[in-house]
Amino acid sequence: MTVFTIKANAGQLLHKAREQTGIDNIDDSEVEAALGILLKSANEQGQMSEMGAAMFEERLQHLLRNRLRMKRDFRAHPEINEQQISRPVIVSGMARTGSTKMQKILAATGDFKYQPFWQGYSMSLISGDRNEDPAPRIKEADEQVRWFNTHAPMAASIHEFSTFEPEEESLIYEHNIVSSYHQAFVFAPDYMMWWVMQDLRPQIDFIKRGLKYLQWQLYDGDPRPWVLKCPMYPGAEHLLREAFPDAVIVCTHRCPHDVLSSVASLLHYYHQAHSDADRKAIYGPMMLEGVAIGLENYMNQRDAHPGTNLFDAAYTDVTRNCEQLIERIYASGRMTLSDKARQGIRQWEKDNSQHKHGVHKHTLEDFQLSNEMVDTRYKKYIDRFGQYF
């Protein structure tokens, strides 16, 4: 297997973004150090294919172009800062716990603003005029969706990317460069070890600024709350409460046996778009420990901030009793589930069967794990939240 790397360094990528956008009066060097760490880790550990390295470099270049355009627009329109993100419903669950369905089915009620893939991927105005034709931005997002779906063909059975479908604000989040979302596409464990030591507050603040920016562009005056979701949130619920004081925060739970094999499988198939390496023997042990540390932090933060007011949701309710679950979520946020919203839920369920894009088959044994290993490492979480599995 021939391994390829990104030849440009962080400074060169930043310089190229200024050339490509024509924005040369804005300093974005604040991300140079983080970008350098990401590049080093991806180059040394990502085992990227020739196309994979080229496409990951372009993805980073795309993020840097959007960052410059966003900064330009905040400078030209300081009123963007006055946008209010009020009463959001935030789905906070580890990956593969039903959080994606929760976000999409809440969006289907019609009661919420949501971010389709294209708005998160192509989040910045090209010209700076919010009346510009969004067609070029939609086109670049659609091209990315088509490329990824072609080069990671099994990914759609796990988490489908679709240009106009609701998508998690991880797409906004990756523009922060300091972002755990990069791991979904390129194997970069050294970067992730660095990331876990970083302060989450500015990362959540960036997401909030991104939402204000999109709201100013596309939803100005729309009183509906947002429905939000990002796998980075578990353990940061108290920070979400600081950023969004009136939010309804829903924590989804699923048996770790299924979560671990599903997450490992997701990484296996997602990384295929950028690498030909087979890391099945690595993903299992890596996720066993990584997810366990995340859940321990999640439980510790819940104990340290008992007034955060969280709504716990079972994976089985998400998959089998979703309308009743959403009715309880609405009640917790003092909202009323209308007949029209119920119809939206039922139509979504009808149109989106669980295995619409094929059955996602995965076992712990595929990734060098066993039920006994998971039960031992996750005993505290299983004892505390097993009622939701």
Protein backbone atom coordinates (compact mmCIF):
# COMPACT_ATOMS: atom_id res chain seq x y z
CA MET A 1 0.00 0.00 0.00
CA THR A 2 1.45 3.35 -1.07
CA VAL A 3 0.90 6.14 1.46
CA PHE A 4 0.46 9.77 0.43
CA THR A 5 0.67 12.95 2.49
CA ILE A 6 -0.37 16.58 2.30
CA LYS A 7 2.72 18.51 1.26
CA ALA A 8 1.52 22.00 2.19
CA ASN A 9 2.04 23.17 5.75
CA ALA A 10 -0.48 25.11 7.83
CA GLY A 11 0.89 28.52 6.87
CA GLN A 12 0.76 27.67 3.18
CA LEU A 13 -2.87 26.50 3.45
CA LEU A 14 -3.81 29.73 5.20
CA HIS A 15 -2.04 31.77 2.53
CA LYS A 16 -3.80 29.86 -0.23
CA ALA A 17 -7.19 30.49 1.40
CA ARG A 18 -6.50 34.23 1.32
CA GLU A 19 -5.60 34.00 -2.35
CA GLN A 20 -8.65 31.91 -3.22
CA THR A 21 -11.11 34.21 -1.44
CA GLY A 22 -9.39 37.50 -2.21
CA ILE A 23 -9.70 38.34 1.50
CA ASP A 24 -6.26 39.53 2.49
CA ASN A 25 -7.13 41.99 5.26
CA ILE A 26 -8.24 39.44 7.87
CA ASP A 27 -5.85 37.52 10.11
CA ASP A 28 -6.81 33.88 10.71
CA SER A 29 -3.46 32.77 12.11
CA GLU A 30 -5.17 31.79 15.40
CA VAL A 31 -5.79 28.34 13.90
CA GLU A 32 -2.29 27.80 12.48
CA ALA A 33 -0.99 25.80 15.45
CA ALA A 34 -4.04 23.49 15.62
CA LEU A 35 -4.00 23.03 11.85
CA GLY A 36 -0.33 22.10 12.03
CA ILE A 37 -1.01 19.44 14.67
CA LEU A 38 -3.84 18.00 12.58
CA LEU A 39 -1.70 17.91 9.43
CA LYS A 40 1.20 16.22 11.22
CA SER A 41 -1.04 13.56 12.73
CA ALA A 42 -2.92 12.90 9.48
CA ASN A 43 0.32 12.69 7.49
CA GLU A 44 2.10 10.41 9.96
CA GLN A 45 -0.82 8.18 10.98
CA GLY A 46 -3.59 8.56 8.40
CA GLN A 47 -2.06 6.26 5.73
CA MET A 48 -3.95 8.28 3.14
CA SER A 49 -4.40 7.21 -0.46
CA GLU A 50 -3.42 9.58 -3.26
CA MET A 51 -7.01 10.71 -3.76
CA GLY A 52 -7.66 10.66 -0.02
CA ALA A 53 -4.78 13.02 0.73
CA ALA A 54 -5.83 15.38 -2.08
CA MET A 55 -9.45 15.42 -0.94
CA PHE A 56 -8.60 15.91 2.74
CA GLU A 57 -6.34 18.82 1.80
CA GLU A 58 -9.19 20.34 -0.21
CA ARG A 59 -11.58 19.80 2.70
CA LEU A 60 -9.22 21.74 4.97
CA GLN A 61 -8.82 24.43 2.32
CA HIS A 62 -12.60 24.64 2.07
CA LEU A 63 -12.87 25.16 5.85
CA LEU A 64 -10.27 27.93 5.77
CA ARG A 65 -12.06 29.72 2.92
CA ASN A 66 -15.32 29.59 4.84
CA ARG A 67 -13.63 30.87 8.00
CA LEU A 68 -12.31 33.95 6.19
CA ARG A 69 -15.70 34.67 4.63
CA MET A 70 -17.46 34.26 7.97
CA LYS A 71 -15.02 36.65 9.65
CA ARG A 72 -15.50 39.13 6.81
CA ASP A 73 -19.26 39.05 7.26
CA PHE A 74 -19.16 39.41 11.05
CA ARG A 75 -16.91 42.44 10.56
CA ALA A 76 -19.21 43.98 7.98
CA HIS A 77 -22.41 43.09 9.86
CA PRO A 78 -21.87 43.22 13.63
CA GLU A 79 -25.64 42.86 14.01
CA ILE A 80 -25.13 39.14 13.40
CA ASN A 81 -24.00 38.97 17.02
CA GLU A 82 -27.46 40.12 18.10
CA GLN A 83 -29.18 37.07 16.66
CA GLN A 84 -30.83 35.07 19.46
CA ILE A 85 -30.62 31.27 19.59
CA SER A 86 -33.64 30.70 21.81
CA ARG A 87 -35.18 27.54 23.26
CA PRO A 88 -33.22 25.00 21.19
CA VAL A 89 -33.74 21.28 21.63
CA ILE A 90 -30.24 19.81 21.82
CA VAL A 91 -29.72 16.08 21.33
CA SER A 92 -26.65 15.10 23.33
CA GLY A 93 -25.74 11.46 22.93
CA MET A 94 -22.70 9.41 22.12
CA ALA A 95 -22.49 8.41 18.46
CA ARG A 96 -24.75 5.51 17.43
CA THR A 97 -27.27 6.00 20.26
CA GLY A 98 -30.22 7.10 18.11
CA SER A 99 -29.31 10.78 18.20
CA THR A 100 -29.42 11.15 14.40
CA LYS A 101 -32.96 9.83 14.20
CA MET A 102 -33.97 12.10 17.08
CA GLN A 103 -32.67 15.17 15.25
CA LYS A 104 -34.21 14.25 11.91
CA ILE A 105 -37.60 13.29 13.25
CA LEU A 106 -37.80 16.45 15.37
CA ALA A 107 -37.01 18.42 12.21
CA ALA A 108 -39.84 16.55 10.46
CA THR A 109 -42.40 18.02 12.88
CA GLY A 110 -42.02 21.43 11.22
CA ASP A 111 -41.66 23.04 14.66
CA PHE A 112 -37.91 23.62 14.45
CA LYS A 113 -35.25 25.29 12.37
CA TYR A 114 -32.58 22.82 11.30
CA GLN A 115 -29.37 22.84 9.31
CA PRO A 116 -29.41 20.80 6.08
CA PHE A 117 -26.07 19.37 5.02
CA TRP A 118 -25.41 22.06 2.45
CA GLN A 119 -25.83 24.91 4.94
CA GLY A 120 -23.32 23.43 7.37
CA TYR A 121 -20.79 22.33 4.77
CA SER A 122 -21.02 25.56 2.72
CA MET A 123 -21.86 27.77 5.67
CA SER A 124 -20.37 31.05 4.45
CA LEU A 125 -21.62 33.54 1.90
CA ILE A 126 -19.34 33.70 -1.11
CA SER A 127 -19.93 37.35 -1.92
CA GLY A 128 -20.91 38.65 1.52
CA ASP A 129 -24.38 39.57 0.21
CA ARG A 130 -27.02 37.51 2.00
CA ASN A 131 -29.28 37.88 -1.04
CA GLU A 132 -26.80 35.99 -3.22
CA ASP A 133 -27.94 32.91 -5.13
CA PRO A 134 -27.05 29.91 -2.92
CA ALA A 135 -26.81 27.58 -5.93
CA PRO A 136 -22.97 27.52 -6.04
CA ARG A 137 -22.82 26.66 -2.33
CA ILE A 138 -25.41 23.93 -2.76
CA LYS A 139 -23.46 22.57 -5.72
CA GLU A 140 -20.18 22.29 -3.81
CA ALA A 141 -21.95 20.54 -0.92
CA ASP A 142 -23.71 18.16 -3.30
CA GLU A 143 -20.42 17.33 -5.00
CA GLN A 144 -18.90 16.50 -1.61
CA VAL A 145 -21.86 14.26 -0.72
CA ARG A 146 -21.62 12.42 -4.04
CA TRP A 147 -17.85 11.97 -3.76
CA PHE A 148 -18.05 10.63 -0.21
CA ASN A 149 -20.95 8.30 -0.93
CA THR A 150 -19.04 6.91 -3.94
CA HIS A 151 -15.76 6.36 -2.09
CA ALA A 152 -17.28 5.16 1.20
CA PRO A 153 -20.22 3.19 -0.25
CA MET A 154 -21.15 1.37 2.98
CA ALA A 155 -21.32 4.61 4.98
CA ALA A 156 -24.92 5.36 4.00
CA SER A 157 -26.12 2.28 5.89
CA ILE A 158 -24.63 3.82 9.05
CA HIS A 159 -25.10 7.57 8.69
CA GLU A 160 -26.28 8.91 5.36
CA PHE A 161 -25.13 12.28 4.09
CA SER A 162 -27.69 13.98 1.86
CA THR A 163 -27.51 17.55 0.55
CA PHE A 164 -30.90 18.74 1.78
CA GLU A 165 -31.44 16.47 4.79
CA PRO A 166 -31.00 17.70 8.38
CA GLU A 167 -27.41 17.23 9.50
CA GLU A 168 -25.60 17.69 12.80
CA GLU A 169 -23.77 20.94 13.43
CA SER A 170 -20.51 19.00 13.41
CA LEU A 171 -20.26 20.56 9.96
CA ILE A 172 -20.16 24.00 11.58
CA TYR A 173 -17.92 22.68 14.33
CA GLU A 174 -15.15 21.40 12.04
CA HIS A 175 -14.67 24.99 10.82
CA ASN A 176 -13.25 25.71 14.29
CA ILE A 177 -10.27 23.51 13.27
CA VAL A 178 -10.01 22.55 16.95
CA SER A 179 -12.67 19.89 16.44
CA SER A 180 -13.15 16.20 17.17
CA TYR A 181 -15.09 15.85 13.91
CA HIS A 182 -11.91 15.47 11.83
CA GLN A 183 -11.49 11.95 13.27
CA ALA A 184 -14.55 10.82 11.32
CA PHE A 185 -12.65 11.14 8.05
CA VAL A 186 -8.94 10.68 8.72
CA PHE A 187 -7.18 8.49 11.28
CA ALA A 188 -5.30 11.02 13.43
CA PRO A 189 -4.98 9.69 17.00
CA ASP A 190 -2.20 12.09 18.04
CA TYR A 191 -4.41 15.01 17.07
CA MET A 192 -7.27 13.52 19.10
CA MET A 193 -5.01 13.08 22.14
CA TRP A 194 -4.20 16.79 21.81
CA TRP A 195 -7.84 17.71 21.26
CA VAL A 196 -9.08 16.08 24.50
CA MET A 197 -6.91 18.51 26.46
CA GLN A 198 -8.52 21.60 24.89
CA ASP A 199 -11.16 23.83 26.48
CA LEU A 200 -14.65 23.05 25.17
CA ARG A 201 -16.12 26.50 25.91
CA PRO A 202 -14.62 28.26 22.86
CA GLN A 203 -15.58 25.27 20.72
CA ILE A 204 -19.22 25.53 21.78
CA ASP A 205 -19.05 29.30 21.39
CA PHE A 206 -17.90 28.81 17.78
CA ILE A 207 -20.89 26.56 17.09
CA LYS A 208 -23.20 29.20 18.56
CA ARG A 209 -21.62 31.90 16.38
CA GLY A 210 -22.04 29.66 13.36
CA LEU A 211 -25.72 29.18 14.15
CA LYS A 212 -26.16 32.95 14.50
CA TYR A 213 -24.47 33.38 11.14
CA LEU A 214 -26.74 30.86 9.41
CA GLN A 215 -29.81 32.29 11.13
CA TRP A 216 -28.93 35.81 9.97
CA GLN A 217 -28.46 34.54 6.41
CA LEU A 218 -31.40 32.18 6.04
CA TYR A 219 -33.83 32.32 8.97
CA ASP A 220 -33.86 35.94 10.12
CA GLY A 221 -37.18 36.53 11.87
CA ASP A 222 -38.13 32.83 12.03
CA PRO A 223 -39.31 32.36 15.65
CA ARG A 224 -39.00 28.57 15.69
CA PRO A 225 -36.27 27.11 17.91
CA TRP A 226 -33.38 25.11 16.49
CA VAL A 227 -33.01 21.37 16.83
CA LEU A 228 -29.31 20.63 17.36
CA LYS A 229 -27.15 17.54 17.69
CA CYS A 230 -23.43 16.82 17.91
CA PRO A 231 -21.56 13.75 19.29
CA MET A 232 -19.10 16.11 20.99
CA TYR A 233 -21.74 17.24 23.50
CA PRO A 234 -21.85 14.36 26.06
CA GLY A 235 -20.03 15.57 29.17
CA ALA A 236 -20.44 19.20 28.09
CA GLU A 237 -24.13 19.57 28.97
CA HIS A 238 -23.33 22.11 31.69
CA LEU A 239 -21.49 24.20 29.09
CA LEU A 240 -24.42 23.88 26.70
CA ARG A 241 -26.63 25.19 29.52
CA GLU A 242 -24.29 28.18 29.90
CA ALA A 243 -24.44 28.90 26.17
CA PHE A 244 -28.15 28.12 25.75
CA PRO A 245 -29.83 28.70 29.14
CA ASP A 246 -33.35 27.87 27.95
CA ALA A 247 -32.44 24.71 26.01
CA VAL A 248 -34.10 21.32 26.31
CA ILE A 249 -31.17 18.88 26.44
CA VAL A 250 -31.95 15.28 25.49
CA CYS A 251 -29.40 12.58 26.38
CA THR A 252 -29.74 9.39 24.36
CA HIS A 253 -28.54 6.05 25.77
CA ARG A 254 -27.84 2.65 24.19
CA CYS A 255 -26.19 -0.57 25.32
CA PRO A 256 -22.39 -0.15 25.02
CA HIS A 257 -22.11 -3.56 23.30
CA ASP A 258 -23.97 -2.13 20.31
CA VAL A 259 -22.48 1.35 20.51
CA LEU A 260 -18.87 0.17 20.41
CA SER A 261 -19.20 -2.20 17.48
CA SER A 262 -21.29 0.36 15.58
CA VAL A 263 -18.84 3.24 16.18
CA ALA A 264 -15.86 1.08 15.22
CA SER A 265 -17.70 0.02 12.08
CA LEU A 266 -18.52 3.65 11.26
CA LEU A 267 -14.84 4.62 11.46
CA HIS A 268 -13.85 1.57 9.39
CA TYR A 269 -16.17 2.53 6.54
CA TYR A 270 -15.80 6.32 6.79
CA HIS A 271 -12.00 6.17 6.66
CA GLN A 272 -12.17 4.15 3.46
CA ALA A 273 -12.87 7.36 1.55
CA HIS A 274 -9.39 8.66 2.38
CA SER A 275 -7.34 5.54 3.11
CA ASP A 276 -6.89 1.98 1.89
CA ALA A 277 -5.62 0.77 5.27
CA ASP A 278 -7.50 -1.92 7.21
CA ARG A 279 -7.50 -0.96 10.90
CA LYS A 280 -10.18 -3.30 12.24
CA ALA A 281 -7.77 -4.67 14.82
CA ILE A 282 -7.06 -1.13 16.04
CA TYR A 283 -10.51 0.46 16.11
CA GLY A 284 -12.02 -1.89 18.70
CA PRO A 285 -9.48 -1.48 21.52
CA MET A 286 -9.16 2.22 20.70
CA MET A 287 -12.90 2.83 20.94
CA LEU A 288 -13.27 0.57 24.00
CA GLU A 289 -11.04 2.91 25.96
CA GLY A 290 -11.91 6.18 24.23
CA VAL A 291 -15.67 5.86 24.61
CA ALA A 292 -15.25 4.65 28.21
CA ILE A 293 -13.24 7.75 29.10
CA GLY A 294 -15.90 9.91 27.44
CA LEU A 295 -18.71 8.25 29.39
CA GLU A 296 -16.80 8.53 32.66
CA ASN A 297 -16.39 12.24 32.03
CA TYR A 298 -20.08 12.44 31.14
CA MET A 299 -21.11 10.86 34.44
CA ASN A 300 -18.63 12.95 36.42
CA GLN A 301 -19.92 16.17 34.88
CA ARG A 302 -23.53 15.18 35.59
CA ASP A 303 -22.61 14.63 39.23
CA ALA A 304 -20.70 17.90 39.39
CA HIS A 305 -23.59 19.88 37.87
CA PRO A 306 -26.78 18.32 39.24
CA GLY A 307 -28.90 21.33 38.27
CA THR A 308 -28.28 21.01 34.53
CA ASN A 309 -31.76 19.50 34.02
CA LEU A 310 -31.36 16.75 31.42
CA PHE A 311 -33.93 14.53 29.68
CA ASP A 312 -32.74 10.93 29.36
CA ALA A 313 -34.01 8.92 26.38
CA ALA A 314 -33.73 5.20 25.69
CA TYR A 315 -32.50 3.94 22.32
CA THR A 316 -35.40 1.48 22.26
CA ASP A 317 -37.86 4.38 22.59
CA VAL A 318 -36.10 6.26 19.80
CA THR A 319 -36.40 3.26 17.49
CA ARG A 320 -39.79 1.86 18.57
CA ASN A 321 -41.82 4.49 20.42
CA CYS A 322 -40.59 7.72 18.91
CA GLU A 323 -43.88 9.62 18.80
CA GLN A 324 -44.53 9.00 22.48
CA LEU A 325 -40.94 9.91 23.32
CA ILE A 326 -41.17 13.19 21.43
CA GLU A 327 -44.44 13.96 23.20
CA ARG A 328 -42.58 13.66 26.53
CA ILE A 329 -39.72 15.82 25.24
CA TYR A 330 -42.20 18.49 24.16
CA ALA A 331 -43.86 18.39 27.58
CA SER A 332 -40.50 18.86 29.31
CA GLY A 333 -39.96 21.99 27.23
CA ARG A 334 -43.53 23.23 27.74
CA MET A 335 -44.31 22.73 24.06
CA THR A 336 -47.43 21.23 22.52
CA LEU A 337 -47.21 18.43 19.99
CA SER A 338 -49.76 19.40 17.36
CA ASP A 339 -51.64 17.09 15.02
CA LYS A 340 -49.59 18.50 12.15
CA ALA A 341 -46.36 17.68 13.98
CA ARG A 342 -47.60 14.16 14.71
CA GLN A 343 -48.32 13.70 11.03
CA GLY A 344 -44.78 14.82 10.21
CA ILE A 345 -43.39 12.23 12.63
CA ARG A 346 -45.51 9.45 11.18
CA GLN A 347 -44.63 10.37 7.60
CA TRP A 348 -40.91 10.41 8.45
CA GLU A 349 -41.21 6.97 10.06
CA LYS A 350 -43.01 5.69 6.96
CA ASP A 351 -40.40 7.09 4.59
CA ASN A 352 -37.33 6.12 6.62
CA SER A 353 -37.28 2.52 7.74
CA GLN A 354 -34.33 1.60 9.96
CA HIS A 355 -32.51 -0.30 7.20
CA LYS A 356 -33.51 1.93 4.30
CA HIS A 357 -29.93 2.03 2.96
CA GLY A 358 -29.09 -1.58 3.81
CA VAL A 359 -28.52 -3.51 7.00
CA HIS A 360 -25.54 -2.31 9.01
CA LYS A 361 -24.00 -5.57 10.26
CA HIS A 362 -21.40 -5.33 13.01
CA THR A 363 -20.24 -7.39 15.97
CA LEU A 364 -17.78 -6.80 18.78
CA GLU A 365 -15.77 -9.77 17.59
CA ASP A 366 -15.20 -8.02 14.24
CA PHE A 367 -13.09 -5.52 16.18
CA GLN A 368 -11.25 -7.77 18.63
CA LEU A 369 -13.73 -7.13 21.47
CA SER A 370 -16.11 -9.25 23.55
CA ASN A 371 -19.19 -8.76 25.73
CA GLU A 372 -17.10 -9.53 28.81
CA MET A 373 -14.55 -6.80 27.98
CA VAL A 374 -17.34 -4.25 27.53
CA ASP A 375 -19.23 -5.31 30.66
CA THR A 376 -16.07 -4.94 32.74
CA ARG A 377 -14.95 -1.59 31.34
CA TYR A 378 -18.45 -0.05 31.28
CA LYS A 379 -19.85 -1.41 34.53
CA LYS A 380 -20.46 2.02 36.11
CA TYR A 381 -22.33 3.31 33.07
CA ILE A 382 -24.34 0.09 32.66
CA ASP A 383 -25.29 0.08 36.34
CA ARG A 384 -26.39 3.71 36.21
CA PHE A 385 -28.16 3.93 32.85
CA GLY A 386 -28.97 0.31 31.98
CA GLN A 387 -32.68 1.03 32.37
CA TYR A 388 -32.45 3.06 29.12
CA PHE A 389 -30.94 0.30 26.96
